[in-house]
Amino acid sequence: MYEKEKNLLVLGKPGKGTNHRKGDWLSKELMQAISIAQTVIKPKERYDFWIESATKLLAGSILYLNQRHGDLYYLDLEKVRKFVQQAKENDNYLLELSELLKKNHPAYQIFSVLALSVKETRQCTINTLLRILDEQQERHEKLEKQREYFWFQY
């Protein structure tokens, strides 16, 4: 009987394979950054290449900028937006970064894949992420205005 589990990888011969969780193969830092990115960028019900690519770029940006408090990573919208804007303005920026990073850096693979992608793919991914970050900033500002409004009502 074949049982399909989410995030499970089976290695070996049929019937004699061993189960491994995909998380065992990824660093804790990368898992944490992807989790933050997926909180900001809500995955769609259907697979969307641009959303998936923007999520990976956001995770890589968080890791590269080393935005953390102790062992926990966080998202600084302003810093990430500036970083992604630089990548938009300088087409070789991600390639140069991936060449500077060590291969064991958690953002290396993300930046390398995107840097070696076709220019249109790279630009669309960057534009998608910038649009999402702008939407997130607008939501944050609206919440702040609502909080100020409610504070004055008391």
N, C-alpha and C. Protein backbone atom coordinates (compact mmCIF):
# COMPACT_ATOMS: atom_id res chain seq x y z
N MET A 1 0.85 -1.17 0.00
CA MET A 1 0.00 0.00 0.00
C MET A 1 0.90 1.24 0.00
N TYR A 2 0.57 2.18 -0.83
CA TYR A 2 1.34 3.42 -0.95
C TYR A 2 0.63 4.51 -0.17
N GLU A 3 1.30 5.07 0.78
CA GLU A 3 0.72 6.15 1.59
C GLU A 3 1.47 7.43 1.28
N LYS A 4 0.76 8.44 0.89
CA LYS A 4 1.39 9.71 0.53
C LYS A 4 1.33 10.65 1.74
N GLU A 5 2.47 11.06 2.20
CA GLU A 5 2.53 12.02 3.30
C GLU A 5 3.19 13.29 2.80
N LYS A 6 2.75 14.39 3.35
CA LYS A 6 3.30 15.68 2.96
C LYS A 6 4.71 15.81 3.52
N ASN A 7 5.60 16.42 2.75
CA ASN A 7 6.98 16.67 3.16
C ASN A 7 7.74 15.40 3.51
N LEU A 8 7.46 14.30 2.82
CA LEU A 8 8.13 13.04 3.10
C LEU A 8 8.83 12.57 1.83
N LEU A 9 10.06 12.11 1.98
CA LEU A 9 10.84 11.62 0.86
C LEU A 9 11.23 10.18 1.18
N VAL A 10 10.98 9.25 0.26
CA VAL A 10 11.30 7.85 0.48
C VAL A 10 12.48 7.49 -0.40
N LEU A 11 13.55 6.98 0.22
CA LEU A 11 14.75 6.58 -0.50
C LEU A 11 14.94 5.07 -0.37
N GLY A 12 15.39 4.43 -1.43
CA GLY A 12 15.67 3.00 -1.38
C GLY A 12 14.84 2.24 -2.40
N LYS A 13 14.88 0.92 -2.30
CA LYS A 13 14.15 0.05 -3.23
C LYS A 13 12.67 0.00 -2.82
N PRO A 14 11.80 -0.26 -3.80
CA PRO A 14 10.37 -0.36 -3.47
C PRO A 14 10.13 -1.40 -2.38
N GLY A 15 9.39 -1.00 -1.37
CA GLY A 15 9.08 -1.89 -0.26
C GLY A 15 10.16 -1.93 0.81
N LYS A 16 11.34 -1.43 0.51
CA LYS A 16 12.44 -1.46 1.48
C LYS A 16 13.06 -0.08 1.67
N GLY A 17 12.33 0.95 1.31
CA GLY A 17 12.86 2.31 1.41
C GLY A 17 12.79 2.85 2.83
N THR A 18 13.51 3.90 3.05
CA THR A 18 13.46 4.58 4.35
C THR A 18 12.87 5.97 4.15
N ASN A 19 12.08 6.38 5.12
CA ASN A 19 11.41 7.67 5.07
C ASN A 19 12.30 8.77 5.64
N HIS A 20 12.32 9.89 4.98
CA HIS A 20 13.04 11.06 5.46
C HIS A 20 12.14 12.27 5.29
N ARG A 21 12.11 13.13 6.29
CA ARG A 21 11.38 14.39 6.14
C ARG A 21 12.23 15.35 5.34
N LYS A 22 11.59 16.14 4.48
CA LYS A 22 12.33 17.10 3.67
C LYS A 22 13.04 18.11 4.56
N GLY A 23 12.46 18.42 5.71
CA GLY A 23 13.06 19.38 6.63
C GLY A 23 14.42 18.93 7.15
N ASP A 24 14.65 17.60 7.15
CA ASP A 24 15.94 17.08 7.60
C ASP A 24 17.06 17.49 6.65
N TRP A 25 16.72 17.82 5.41
CA TRP A 25 17.71 18.14 4.40
C TRP A 25 17.98 19.63 4.32
N LEU A 26 17.12 20.44 4.94
CA LEU A 26 17.26 21.90 4.87
C LEU A 26 17.74 22.43 6.21
N SER A 27 18.49 23.51 6.17
CA SER A 27 18.99 24.09 7.41
C SER A 27 17.83 24.72 8.18
N LYS A 28 18.00 24.83 9.49
CA LYS A 28 16.97 25.45 10.33
C LYS A 28 16.77 26.90 9.94
N GLU A 29 17.87 27.57 9.57
CA GLU A 29 17.78 28.97 9.16
C GLU A 29 16.90 29.12 7.92
N LEU A 30 17.14 28.25 6.93
CA LEU A 30 16.37 28.31 5.69
C LEU A 30 14.90 27.99 5.95
N MET A 31 14.63 26.99 6.77
CA MET A 31 13.25 26.64 7.10
C MET A 31 12.54 27.81 7.77
N GLN A 32 13.25 28.49 8.68
CA GLN A 32 12.66 29.62 9.39
C GLN A 32 12.38 30.78 8.44
N ALA A 33 13.33 31.08 7.55
CA ALA A 33 13.15 32.18 6.60
C ALA A 33 12.01 31.88 5.62
N ILE A 34 11.91 30.65 5.16
CA ILE A 34 10.81 30.27 4.26
C ILE A 34 9.47 30.39 4.98
N SER A 35 9.44 30.00 6.23
CA SER A 35 8.21 30.11 7.01
C SER A 35 7.76 31.57 7.14
N ILE A 36 8.71 32.46 7.40
CA ILE A 36 8.39 33.89 7.49
C ILE A 36 7.90 34.39 6.14
N ALA A 37 8.60 34.01 5.08
CA ALA A 37 8.22 34.45 3.73
C ALA A 37 6.82 33.96 3.36
N GLN A 38 6.48 32.73 3.74
CA GLN A 38 5.16 32.20 3.42
C GLN A 38 4.07 32.85 4.26
N THR A 39 4.43 33.40 5.40
CA THR A 39 3.47 34.15 6.20
C THR A 39 3.14 35.47 5.53
N VAL A 40 4.15 36.11 4.96
CA VAL A 40 3.96 37.39 4.27
C VAL A 40 3.31 37.16 2.91
N ILE A 41 3.83 36.21 2.17
CA ILE A 41 3.32 35.90 0.83
C ILE A 41 2.45 34.66 0.96
N LYS A 42 1.18 34.85 1.00
CA LYS A 42 0.25 33.73 1.16
C LYS A 42 0.28 32.85 -0.10
N PRO A 43 0.61 31.55 0.07
CA PRO A 43 0.59 30.66 -1.09
C PRO A 43 -0.82 30.55 -1.65
N LYS A 44 -0.93 30.47 -2.95
CA LYS A 44 -2.23 30.34 -3.61
C LYS A 44 -2.69 28.89 -3.55
N GLU A 45 -3.98 28.68 -3.81
CA GLU A 45 -4.49 27.31 -3.85
C GLU A 45 -3.86 26.53 -5.00
N ARG A 46 -3.68 27.21 -6.12
CA ARG A 46 -3.00 26.59 -7.26
C ARG A 46 -1.54 27.02 -7.23
N TYR A 47 -0.69 26.22 -7.83
CA TYR A 47 0.72 26.57 -7.90
C TYR A 47 0.89 27.81 -8.77
N ASP A 48 1.65 28.77 -8.28
CA ASP A 48 1.93 30.00 -9.01
C ASP A 48 3.44 30.20 -9.01
N PHE A 49 4.06 30.08 -10.17
CA PHE A 49 5.52 30.18 -10.28
C PHE A 49 6.05 31.49 -9.71
N TRP A 50 5.38 32.61 -10.02
CA TRP A 50 5.88 33.92 -9.59
C TRP A 50 5.79 34.08 -8.08
N ILE A 51 4.71 33.60 -7.48
CA ILE A 51 4.56 33.67 -6.02
C ILE A 51 5.61 32.80 -5.36
N GLU A 52 5.81 31.61 -5.88
CA GLU A 52 6.82 30.69 -5.34
C GLU A 52 8.22 31.30 -5.45
N SER A 53 8.53 31.89 -6.58
CA SER A 53 9.84 32.52 -6.79
C SER A 53 10.03 33.72 -5.88
N ALA A 54 8.98 34.53 -5.72
CA ALA A 54 9.06 35.70 -4.83
C ALA A 54 9.24 35.26 -3.38
N THR A 55 8.60 34.16 -2.99
CA THR A 55 8.75 33.62 -1.63
C THR A 55 10.20 33.21 -1.39
N LYS A 56 10.80 32.54 -2.36
CA LYS A 56 12.20 32.12 -2.22
C LYS A 56 13.13 33.33 -2.16
N LEU A 57 12.87 34.34 -2.99
CA LEU A 57 13.70 35.54 -2.97
C LEU A 57 13.57 36.27 -1.64
N LEU A 58 12.37 36.33 -1.09
CA LEU A 58 12.18 36.96 0.22
C LEU A 58 12.92 36.19 1.30
N ALA A 59 12.83 34.87 1.27
CA ALA A 59 13.54 34.04 2.25
C ALA A 59 15.05 34.26 2.13
N GLY A 60 15.56 34.27 0.91
CA GLY A 60 16.99 34.51 0.69
C GLY A 60 17.42 35.88 1.17
N SER A 61 16.57 36.88 0.97
CA SER A 61 16.87 38.24 1.41
C SER A 61 16.95 38.32 2.92
N ILE A 62 16.01 37.67 3.61
CA ILE A 62 16.02 37.65 5.07
C ILE A 62 17.31 37.01 5.57
N LEU A 63 17.69 35.90 4.95
CA LEU A 63 18.91 35.19 5.36
C LEU A 63 20.16 36.02 5.06
N TYR A 64 20.21 36.63 3.88
CA TYR A 64 21.38 37.41 3.51
C TYR A 64 21.55 38.63 4.42
N LEU A 65 20.45 39.32 4.69
CA LEU A 65 20.52 40.51 5.54
C LEU A 65 20.69 40.14 7.01
N ASN A 66 20.62 38.84 7.29
CA ASN A 66 20.83 38.31 8.64
C ASN A 66 19.95 39.03 9.65
N GLN A 67 18.68 39.17 9.30
CA GLN A 67 17.72 39.84 10.17
C GLN A 67 17.28 38.86 11.24
N ARG A 68 17.90 38.95 12.39
CA ARG A 68 17.52 38.05 13.47
C ARG A 68 17.70 38.71 14.82
N HIS A 69 16.94 38.20 15.75
CA HIS A 69 17.06 38.60 17.15
C HIS A 69 17.38 37.32 17.90
N GLY A 70 18.62 37.18 18.33
CA GLY A 70 19.04 35.91 18.91
C GLY A 70 19.06 34.85 17.83
N ASP A 71 18.33 33.77 18.05
CA ASP A 71 18.26 32.68 17.07
C ASP A 71 17.07 32.81 16.12
N LEU A 72 16.23 33.81 16.35
CA LEU A 72 15.02 33.94 15.54
C LEU A 72 15.16 35.01 14.47
N TYR A 73 14.79 34.66 13.26
CA TYR A 73 14.81 35.62 12.16
C TYR A 73 13.53 36.44 12.19
N TYR A 74 13.59 37.63 11.62
CA TYR A 74 12.41 38.48 11.50
C TYR A 74 12.48 39.23 10.17
N LEU A 75 11.41 39.91 9.83
CA LEU A 75 11.34 40.63 8.57
C LEU A 75 11.31 42.13 8.83
N ASP A 76 12.30 42.84 8.30
CA ASP A 76 12.32 44.30 8.30
C ASP A 76 11.94 44.72 6.89
N LEU A 77 10.68 45.10 6.71
CA LEU A 77 10.16 45.41 5.37
C LEU A 77 11.01 46.45 4.65
N GLU A 78 11.42 47.48 5.37
CA GLU A 78 12.16 48.58 4.75
C GLU A 78 13.52 48.11 4.22
N LYS A 79 14.25 47.35 5.03
CA LYS A 79 15.57 46.87 4.60
C LYS A 79 15.45 45.90 3.42
N VAL A 80 14.49 45.00 3.52
CA VAL A 80 14.31 44.03 2.44
C VAL A 80 13.92 44.74 1.15
N ARG A 81 13.03 45.73 1.26
CA ARG A 81 12.60 46.47 0.07
C ARG A 81 13.79 47.17 -0.60
N LYS A 82 14.66 47.80 0.21
CA LYS A 82 15.85 48.47 -0.34
C LYS A 82 16.76 47.45 -1.04
N PHE A 83 16.93 46.31 -0.41
CA PHE A 83 17.77 45.26 -0.96
C PHE A 83 17.23 44.76 -2.31
N VAL A 84 15.94 44.49 -2.36
CA VAL A 84 15.32 43.99 -3.58
C VAL A 84 15.31 45.07 -4.66
N GLN A 85 15.15 46.32 -4.25
CA GLN A 85 15.19 47.43 -5.20
C GLN A 85 16.58 47.52 -5.86
N GLN A 86 17.64 47.28 -5.08
CA GLN A 86 19.00 47.26 -5.64
C GLN A 86 19.12 46.16 -6.69
N ALA A 87 18.53 45.00 -6.40
CA ALA A 87 18.57 43.89 -7.35
C ALA A 87 17.81 44.25 -8.63
N LYS A 88 16.77 45.05 -8.50
CA LYS A 88 16.00 45.47 -9.67
C LYS A 88 16.81 46.46 -10.52
N GLU A 89 17.50 47.38 -9.86
CA GLU A 89 18.24 48.42 -10.57
C GLU A 89 19.54 47.92 -11.19
N ASN A 90 20.20 46.96 -10.54
CA ASN A 90 21.46 46.42 -11.04
C ASN A 90 21.23 44.96 -11.41
N ASP A 91 21.20 44.68 -12.69
CA ASP A 91 20.86 43.35 -13.17
C ASP A 91 21.85 42.27 -12.72
N ASN A 92 23.09 42.64 -12.45
CA ASN A 92 24.11 41.66 -12.04
C ASN A 92 24.24 41.54 -10.52
N TYR A 93 23.42 42.25 -9.78
CA TYR A 93 23.54 42.31 -8.32
C TYR A 93 23.47 40.92 -7.67
N LEU A 94 22.46 40.13 -8.02
CA LEU A 94 22.32 38.81 -7.41
C LEU A 94 23.45 37.87 -7.82
N LEU A 95 23.92 37.99 -9.05
CA LEU A 95 25.04 37.17 -9.51
C LEU A 95 26.30 37.52 -8.72
N GLU A 96 26.56 38.81 -8.56
CA GLU A 96 27.72 39.26 -7.78
C GLU A 96 27.63 38.78 -6.34
N LEU A 97 26.43 38.87 -5.75
CA LEU A 97 26.25 38.40 -4.38
C LEU A 97 26.48 36.90 -4.26
N SER A 98 25.94 36.14 -5.20
CA SER A 98 26.10 34.69 -5.12
C SER A 98 27.57 34.29 -5.29
N GLU A 99 28.34 35.08 -6.04
CA GLU A 99 29.77 34.79 -6.18
C GLU A 99 30.53 35.14 -4.90
N LEU A 100 30.04 36.12 -4.14
CA LEU A 100 30.70 36.51 -2.89
C LEU A 100 30.36 35.57 -1.73
N LEU A 101 29.15 35.00 -1.77
CA LEU A 101 28.72 34.12 -0.68
C LEU A 101 29.42 32.77 -0.75
N LYS A 102 29.63 32.18 0.40
CA LYS A 102 30.15 30.82 0.44
C LYS A 102 29.02 29.88 0.05
N LYS A 103 29.38 28.74 -0.51
CA LYS A 103 28.37 27.79 -0.98
C LYS A 103 27.51 27.23 0.15
N ASN A 104 28.00 27.29 1.38
CA ASN A 104 27.20 26.76 2.49
C ASN A 104 26.30 27.83 3.13
N HIS A 105 26.34 29.06 2.60
CA HIS A 105 25.44 30.11 3.11
C HIS A 105 24.02 29.74 2.69
N PRO A 106 23.04 29.87 3.61
CA PRO A 106 21.67 29.45 3.27
C PRO A 106 21.04 30.21 2.10
N ALA A 107 21.50 31.42 1.80
CA ALA A 107 20.92 32.20 0.69
C ALA A 107 21.63 31.93 -0.63
N TYR A 108 22.76 31.24 -0.60
CA TYR A 108 23.56 31.03 -1.80
C TYR A 108 22.76 30.38 -2.93
N GLN A 109 22.12 29.27 -2.64
CA GLN A 109 21.39 28.53 -3.67
C GLN A 109 20.25 29.36 -4.26
N ILE A 110 19.53 30.07 -3.41
CA ILE A 110 18.40 30.89 -3.87
C ILE A 110 18.88 31.97 -4.83
N PHE A 111 19.93 32.69 -4.43
CA PHE A 111 20.45 33.78 -5.26
C PHE A 111 21.08 33.24 -6.55
N SER A 112 21.78 32.12 -6.46
CA SER A 112 22.43 31.55 -7.64
C SER A 112 21.42 31.15 -8.70
N VAL A 113 20.37 30.46 -8.29
CA VAL A 113 19.35 30.02 -9.24
C VAL A 113 18.69 31.22 -9.91
N LEU A 114 18.33 32.22 -9.11
CA LEU A 114 17.67 33.40 -9.68
C LEU A 114 18.63 34.20 -10.55
N ALA A 115 19.90 34.30 -10.14
CA ALA A 115 20.89 35.06 -10.92
C ALA A 115 21.13 34.43 -12.28
N LEU A 116 21.06 33.11 -12.36
CA LEU A 116 21.31 32.41 -13.62
C LEU A 116 20.05 32.25 -14.47
N SER A 117 18.93 32.71 -13.95
CA SER A 117 17.67 32.67 -14.72
C SER A 117 17.70 33.72 -15.82
N VAL A 118 16.81 33.57 -16.77
CA VAL A 118 16.66 34.55 -17.84
C VAL A 118 16.29 35.90 -17.21
N LYS A 119 16.78 36.98 -17.84
CA LYS A 119 16.56 38.32 -17.29
C LYS A 119 15.08 38.60 -17.02
N GLU A 120 14.20 38.23 -17.93
CA GLU A 120 12.77 38.48 -17.77
C GLU A 120 12.22 37.74 -16.55
N THR A 121 12.67 36.52 -16.33
CA THR A 121 12.23 35.74 -15.17
C THR A 121 12.68 36.42 -13.89
N ARG A 122 13.94 36.83 -13.87
CA ARG A 122 14.50 37.51 -12.70
C ARG A 122 13.73 38.79 -12.40
N GLN A 123 13.51 39.61 -13.44
CA GLN A 123 12.82 40.89 -13.25
C GLN A 123 11.36 40.68 -12.81
N CYS A 124 10.69 39.69 -13.37
CA CYS A 124 9.31 39.42 -12.97
C CYS A 124 9.23 38.96 -11.52
N THR A 125 10.18 38.13 -11.10
CA THR A 125 10.23 37.68 -9.71
C THR A 125 10.45 38.86 -8.78
N ILE A 126 11.40 39.72 -9.13
CA ILE A 126 11.70 40.90 -8.31
C ILE A 126 10.49 41.83 -8.26
N ASN A 127 9.86 42.07 -9.41
CA ASN A 127 8.68 42.94 -9.44
C ASN A 127 7.52 42.37 -8.63
N THR A 128 7.34 41.06 -8.69
CA THR A 128 6.29 40.42 -7.89
C THR A 128 6.55 40.62 -6.41
N LEU A 129 7.80 40.42 -5.99
CA LEU A 129 8.12 40.60 -4.58
C LEU A 129 7.96 42.06 -4.16
N LEU A 130 8.40 43.00 -4.98
CA LEU A 130 8.24 44.42 -4.64
C LEU A 130 6.76 44.79 -4.51
N ARG A 131 5.92 44.27 -5.40
CA ARG A 131 4.49 44.54 -5.32
C ARG A 131 3.90 44.00 -4.01
N ILE A 132 4.29 42.79 -3.65
CA ILE A 132 3.80 42.17 -2.42
C ILE A 132 4.28 42.94 -1.19
N LEU A 133 5.54 43.36 -1.20
CA LEU A 133 6.07 44.15 -0.08
C LEU A 133 5.34 45.48 0.05
N ASP A 134 5.01 46.10 -1.09
CA ASP A 134 4.24 47.35 -1.06
C ASP A 134 2.85 47.13 -0.47
N GLU A 135 2.20 46.04 -0.88
CA GLU A 135 0.88 45.71 -0.33
C GLU A 135 0.96 45.47 1.17
N GLN A 136 2.01 44.79 1.60
CA GLN A 136 2.20 44.50 3.03
C GLN A 136 2.40 45.80 3.80
N GLN A 137 3.18 46.72 3.24
CA GLN A 137 3.42 48.01 3.88
C GLN A 137 2.12 48.81 4.00
N GLU A 138 1.31 48.79 2.94
CA GLU A 138 0.02 49.49 2.97
C GLU A 138 -0.89 48.91 4.05
N ARG A 139 -0.95 47.58 4.16
CA ARG A 139 -1.75 46.93 5.20
C ARG A 139 -1.27 47.35 6.58
N HIS A 140 0.04 47.38 6.76
CA HIS A 140 0.62 47.76 8.04
C HIS A 140 0.26 49.21 8.40
N GLU A 141 0.34 50.10 7.42
CA GLU A 141 0.00 51.51 7.66
C GLU A 141 -1.47 51.67 7.99
N LYS A 142 -2.35 50.92 7.31
CA LYS A 142 -3.79 50.98 7.61
C LYS A 142 -4.06 50.52 9.04
N LEU A 143 -3.39 49.45 9.45
CA LEU A 143 -3.56 48.96 10.82
C LEU A 143 -3.12 49.99 11.84
N GLU A 144 -2.01 50.66 11.56
CA GLU A 144 -1.52 51.71 12.47
C GLU A 144 -2.53 52.85 12.58
N LYS A 145 -3.12 53.25 11.45
CA LYS A 145 -4.13 54.32 11.46
C LYS A 145 -5.35 53.89 12.26
N GLN A 146 -5.77 52.62 12.09
CA GLN A 146 -6.92 52.12 12.85
C GLN A 146 -6.62 52.11 14.34
N ARG A 147 -5.42 51.72 14.70
CA ARG A 147 -5.04 51.72 16.12
C ARG A 147 -5.09 53.13 16.69
N GLU A 148 -4.56 54.10 15.95
CA GLU A 148 -4.60 55.49 16.41
C GLU A 148 -6.03 55.96 16.56
N TYR A 149 -6.90 55.61 15.61
CA TYR A 149 -8.29 56.02 15.64
C TYR A 149 -8.99 55.43 16.87
N PHE A 150 -8.79 54.13 17.10
CA PHE A 150 -9.43 53.49 18.25
C PHE A 150 -8.89 54.04 19.57
N TRP A 151 -7.65 54.42 19.61
CA TRP A 151 -7.06 54.96 20.82
C TRP A 151 -7.74 56.27 21.21
N PHE A 152 -8.08 57.09 20.21
CA PHE A 152 -8.73 58.37 20.49
C PHE A 152 -10.19 58.19 20.88
N GLN A 153 -10.80 57.06 20.59
CA GLN A 153 -12.20 56.84 20.94
C GLN A 153 -12.40 56.61 22.43
N TYR A 154 -11.40 56.19 23.14
CA TYR A 154 -11.56 55.88 24.56
C TYR A 154 -11.56 57.07 25.43
